[in-house]
N, C-alpha and C. Protein backbone atom coordinates (compact mmCIF):
# COMPACT_ATOMS: atom_id res chain seq x y z
N MET A 1 193.38 2.94 0.38
CA MET A 1 193.72 1.64 -0.14
C MET A 1 192.44 0.81 -0.17
N LYS A 2 192.21 0.13 -1.30
CA LYS A 2 191.05 -0.74 -1.42
C LYS A 2 191.45 -2.15 -1.04
N LEU A 3 190.66 -2.75 -0.16
CA LEU A 3 190.94 -4.10 0.30
C LEU A 3 189.83 -5.04 -0.17
N LEU A 4 190.22 -6.24 -0.53
CA LEU A 4 189.29 -7.30 -0.91
C LEU A 4 189.20 -8.26 0.26
N ILE A 5 188.00 -8.53 0.70
CA ILE A 5 187.79 -9.45 1.82
C ILE A 5 187.01 -10.64 1.28
N ARG A 6 187.61 -11.83 1.38
CA ARG A 6 187.02 -13.04 0.82
C ARG A 6 186.70 -14.04 1.92
N ASN A 7 185.90 -15.02 1.54
CA ASN A 7 185.53 -16.13 2.42
C ASN A 7 184.75 -15.67 3.64
N LEU A 8 183.91 -14.65 3.44
CA LEU A 8 183.05 -14.17 4.53
C LEU A 8 181.88 -15.12 4.70
N ALA A 9 181.45 -15.31 5.93
CA ALA A 9 180.23 -16.08 6.19
C ALA A 9 179.07 -15.34 5.52
N ARG A 10 178.15 -16.08 4.96
CA ARG A 10 177.00 -15.47 4.27
C ARG A 10 176.12 -14.66 5.23
N SER A 11 176.28 -14.89 6.52
CA SER A 11 175.47 -14.19 7.52
C SER A 11 176.04 -12.82 7.91
N ILE A 12 177.28 -12.52 7.53
CA ILE A 12 177.91 -11.24 7.88
C ILE A 12 177.19 -10.11 7.15
N THR A 13 176.92 -9.03 7.88
CA THR A 13 176.27 -7.87 7.28
C THR A 13 177.33 -6.82 6.91
N GLU A 14 176.93 -5.88 6.09
CA GLU A 14 177.84 -4.79 5.71
C GLU A 14 178.25 -3.99 6.95
N ALA A 15 177.32 -3.79 7.87
CA ALA A 15 177.63 -3.04 9.10
C ALA A 15 178.67 -3.78 9.94
N GLU A 16 178.57 -5.10 10.01
CA GLU A 16 179.55 -5.90 10.77
C GLU A 16 180.91 -5.86 10.10
N LEU A 17 180.93 -5.93 8.77
CA LEU A 17 182.18 -5.86 8.03
C LEU A 17 182.85 -4.51 8.26
N ARG A 18 182.07 -3.45 8.17
CA ARG A 18 182.60 -2.09 8.40
C ARG A 18 183.17 -1.97 9.81
N ALA A 19 182.46 -2.49 10.80
CA ALA A 19 182.90 -2.40 12.19
C ALA A 19 184.24 -3.12 12.40
N MET A 20 184.44 -4.25 11.71
CA MET A 20 185.71 -4.99 11.83
C MET A 20 186.88 -4.10 11.45
N PHE A 21 186.71 -3.33 10.38
CA PHE A 21 187.80 -2.50 9.86
C PHE A 21 187.88 -1.16 10.57
N GLU A 22 186.76 -0.62 11.04
CA GLU A 22 186.79 0.65 11.76
C GLU A 22 187.57 0.53 13.06
N ALA A 23 187.70 -0.67 13.58
CA ALA A 23 188.50 -0.88 14.79
C ALA A 23 189.98 -0.58 14.53
N HIS A 24 190.37 -0.47 13.25
CA HIS A 24 191.77 -0.24 12.87
C HIS A 24 191.99 1.11 12.22
N GLY A 25 190.92 1.88 12.00
CA GLY A 25 191.09 3.20 11.40
C GLY A 25 189.85 3.66 10.66
N THR A 26 190.05 4.68 9.86
CA THR A 26 188.96 5.30 9.10
C THR A 26 188.57 4.42 7.91
N VAL A 27 187.27 4.18 7.78
CA VAL A 27 186.75 3.43 6.64
C VAL A 27 186.02 4.41 5.74
N GLN A 28 186.50 4.51 4.50
CA GLN A 28 185.92 5.43 3.52
C GLN A 28 184.66 4.83 2.90
N PHE A 29 184.69 3.54 2.61
CA PHE A 29 183.52 2.84 2.07
C PHE A 29 183.60 1.37 2.42
N CYS A 30 182.46 0.73 2.36
CA CYS A 30 182.36 -0.71 2.64
C CYS A 30 181.25 -1.25 1.74
N ASN A 31 181.58 -2.24 0.93
CA ASN A 31 180.60 -2.84 0.03
C ASN A 31 180.62 -4.35 0.16
N LEU A 32 179.54 -4.92 0.62
CA LEU A 32 179.38 -6.36 0.66
C LEU A 32 178.72 -6.73 -0.67
N VAL A 33 179.31 -7.64 -1.41
CA VAL A 33 178.79 -8.00 -2.73
C VAL A 33 177.62 -8.97 -2.56
N MET A 34 176.48 -8.59 -3.15
CA MET A 34 175.25 -9.36 -3.00
C MET A 34 174.87 -10.04 -4.32
N ASP A 35 174.25 -11.21 -4.20
CA ASP A 35 173.75 -11.96 -5.35
C ASP A 35 172.44 -11.33 -5.79
N GLU A 36 172.35 -10.94 -7.05
CA GLU A 36 171.16 -10.27 -7.56
C GLU A 36 169.93 -11.18 -7.53
N LYS A 37 170.11 -12.46 -7.75
CA LYS A 37 168.98 -13.39 -7.80
C LYS A 37 168.43 -13.71 -6.41
N THR A 38 169.33 -13.99 -5.47
CA THR A 38 168.88 -14.42 -4.14
C THR A 38 168.81 -13.28 -3.14
N GLY A 39 169.54 -12.21 -3.39
CA GLY A 39 169.60 -11.09 -2.45
C GLY A 39 170.54 -11.35 -1.28
N GLY A 40 171.16 -12.53 -1.25
CA GLY A 40 172.09 -12.88 -0.18
C GLY A 40 173.52 -12.52 -0.53
N SER A 41 174.36 -12.56 0.46
CA SER A 41 175.78 -12.25 0.29
C SER A 41 176.45 -13.29 -0.60
N LYS A 42 177.40 -12.84 -1.41
CA LYS A 42 178.21 -13.76 -2.21
C LYS A 42 179.45 -14.22 -1.44
N GLY A 43 179.65 -13.70 -0.23
CA GLY A 43 180.75 -14.14 0.60
C GLY A 43 182.03 -13.34 0.43
N PHE A 44 181.94 -12.18 -0.22
CA PHE A 44 183.10 -11.31 -0.31
C PHE A 44 182.66 -9.86 -0.40
N GLY A 45 183.62 -8.98 -0.16
CA GLY A 45 183.31 -7.56 -0.20
C GLY A 45 184.56 -6.72 -0.32
N PHE A 46 184.38 -5.42 -0.35
CA PHE A 46 185.47 -4.47 -0.49
C PHE A 46 185.37 -3.42 0.61
N VAL A 47 186.52 -3.01 1.11
CA VAL A 47 186.60 -1.95 2.11
C VAL A 47 187.65 -0.96 1.64
N GLY A 48 187.34 0.32 1.72
CA GLY A 48 188.30 1.37 1.37
C GLY A 48 188.75 2.09 2.62
N MET A 49 190.06 2.15 2.80
CA MET A 49 190.64 2.87 3.93
C MET A 49 191.63 3.89 3.37
N PRO A 50 191.40 5.19 3.62
CA PRO A 50 192.23 6.22 3.00
C PRO A 50 193.69 6.25 3.49
N LYS A 51 193.94 5.79 4.71
CA LYS A 51 195.31 5.83 5.24
C LYS A 51 195.95 4.45 5.06
N GLN A 52 197.01 4.42 4.27
CA GLN A 52 197.66 3.17 3.92
C GLN A 52 198.15 2.41 5.16
N GLY A 53 198.68 3.11 6.13
CA GLY A 53 199.18 2.46 7.35
C GLY A 53 198.07 1.75 8.11
N GLU A 54 196.91 2.40 8.21
CA GLU A 54 195.76 1.78 8.88
C GLU A 54 195.27 0.57 8.10
N ALA A 55 195.23 0.71 6.77
CA ALA A 55 194.78 -0.40 5.92
C ALA A 55 195.69 -1.61 6.06
N LYS A 56 196.99 -1.36 6.07
CA LYS A 56 197.96 -2.47 6.21
C LYS A 56 197.83 -3.13 7.57
N ALA A 57 197.63 -2.33 8.62
CA ALA A 57 197.47 -2.88 9.96
C ALA A 57 196.20 -3.73 10.04
N ALA A 58 195.12 -3.24 9.44
CA ALA A 58 193.86 -3.99 9.43
C ALA A 58 194.03 -5.30 8.67
N MET A 59 194.69 -5.22 7.52
CA MET A 59 194.92 -6.40 6.70
C MET A 59 195.70 -7.45 7.48
N LYS A 60 196.76 -7.02 8.14
CA LYS A 60 197.62 -7.94 8.89
C LYS A 60 196.86 -8.58 10.06
N THR A 61 196.05 -7.78 10.75
CA THR A 61 195.34 -8.27 11.93
C THR A 61 194.14 -9.16 11.57
N ILE A 62 193.37 -8.76 10.58
CA ILE A 62 192.12 -9.45 10.27
C ILE A 62 192.33 -10.68 9.38
N ASN A 63 193.31 -10.63 8.49
CA ASN A 63 193.55 -11.76 7.58
C ASN A 63 193.79 -13.04 8.38
N GLY A 64 193.04 -14.08 8.04
CA GLY A 64 193.20 -15.37 8.69
C GLY A 64 192.36 -15.57 9.94
N GLN A 65 191.69 -14.52 10.41
CA GLN A 65 190.82 -14.67 11.58
C GLN A 65 189.59 -15.48 11.22
N GLU A 66 189.10 -16.23 12.19
CA GLU A 66 187.84 -16.95 11.98
C GLU A 66 186.72 -16.06 12.52
N ILE A 67 185.84 -15.67 11.62
CA ILE A 67 184.71 -14.80 11.96
C ILE A 67 183.43 -15.53 11.53
N ALA A 68 182.54 -15.73 12.46
CA ALA A 68 181.26 -16.41 12.20
C ALA A 68 181.46 -17.76 11.51
N GLY A 69 182.50 -18.47 11.92
CA GLY A 69 182.74 -19.81 11.39
C GLY A 69 183.51 -19.88 10.09
N SER A 70 183.96 -18.75 9.57
CA SER A 70 184.72 -18.72 8.32
C SER A 70 186.07 -18.04 8.53
N LYS A 71 187.13 -18.64 8.02
CA LYS A 71 188.46 -18.05 8.10
C LYS A 71 188.60 -17.07 6.93
N ILE A 72 188.53 -15.77 7.24
CA ILE A 72 188.50 -14.77 6.17
C ILE A 72 189.89 -14.44 5.66
N ARG A 73 189.92 -13.98 4.41
CA ARG A 73 191.17 -13.57 3.77
C ARG A 73 191.04 -12.11 3.36
N VAL A 74 192.09 -11.35 3.62
CA VAL A 74 192.11 -9.93 3.29
C VAL A 74 193.37 -9.65 2.48
N LYS A 75 193.22 -8.96 1.35
CA LYS A 75 194.37 -8.55 0.56
C LYS A 75 194.04 -7.24 -0.15
N LYS A 76 195.07 -6.62 -0.68
CA LYS A 76 194.88 -5.39 -1.45
C LYS A 76 194.08 -5.73 -2.70
N ALA A 77 193.05 -4.94 -2.99
CA ALA A 77 192.19 -5.20 -4.14
C ALA A 77 192.90 -4.82 -5.43
N ASP A 78 192.67 -5.61 -6.44
CA ASP A 78 193.20 -5.34 -7.78
C ASP A 78 192.35 -4.23 -8.38
N THR A 79 192.96 -3.09 -8.68
CA THR A 79 192.20 -1.96 -9.24
C THR A 79 192.64 -1.63 -10.66
N THR A 80 193.20 -2.62 -11.36
CA THR A 80 193.57 -2.41 -12.76
C THR A 80 192.30 -2.30 -13.59
N PRO A 81 192.37 -1.71 -14.80
CA PRO A 81 191.18 -1.55 -15.62
C PRO A 81 190.45 -2.85 -15.95
N ASP A 82 191.14 -3.98 -15.92
CA ASP A 82 190.51 -5.26 -16.26
C ASP A 82 189.95 -6.00 -15.05
N SER A 83 190.12 -5.45 -13.86
CA SER A 83 189.66 -6.16 -12.67
C SER A 83 188.14 -6.11 -12.56
N ASP A 84 187.57 -7.09 -11.88
CA ASP A 84 186.12 -7.14 -11.68
C ASP A 84 185.65 -5.90 -10.94
N TRP A 85 186.42 -5.44 -9.93
CA TRP A 85 186.03 -4.28 -9.15
C TRP A 85 185.87 -3.06 -10.04
N THR A 86 186.86 -2.79 -10.90
CA THR A 86 186.83 -1.63 -11.77
C THR A 86 185.72 -1.76 -12.81
N ARG A 87 185.62 -2.92 -13.40
CA ARG A 87 184.62 -3.15 -14.45
C ARG A 87 183.21 -2.98 -13.88
N ASP A 88 182.95 -3.48 -12.68
CA ASP A 88 181.63 -3.38 -12.07
C ASP A 88 181.26 -1.94 -11.72
N LYS A 89 182.24 -1.08 -11.54
CA LYS A 89 181.96 0.29 -11.11
C LYS A 89 181.83 1.28 -12.27
N LYS A 90 182.06 0.82 -13.52
CA LYS A 90 181.92 1.72 -14.65
C LYS A 90 180.43 2.04 -14.86
N PRO A 91 180.12 3.28 -15.25
CA PRO A 91 178.71 3.63 -15.48
C PRO A 91 178.15 2.89 -16.68
N SER A 92 176.87 2.57 -16.62
CA SER A 92 176.22 1.84 -17.71
C SER A 92 175.86 2.76 -18.84
């Protein structure tokens, strides 16, 4: 299951994001979205967890927590062909 994590503090690293979710199960991938111009975080990212039960538990536990001064939001990522996630991952 692909999860969208929003409202992350700009100081959160990809390793820290991964660790948050690994506490709830197997993490297949973790991508913190970075600004191409500044090289800094855009404040959101994606986490893939292969086991739906673990993903749902992580979503329920982490959603709404205050991490590094920001109340983060976690939801299932939109993976339709028109979503930003899918469009960004198509080969050039």
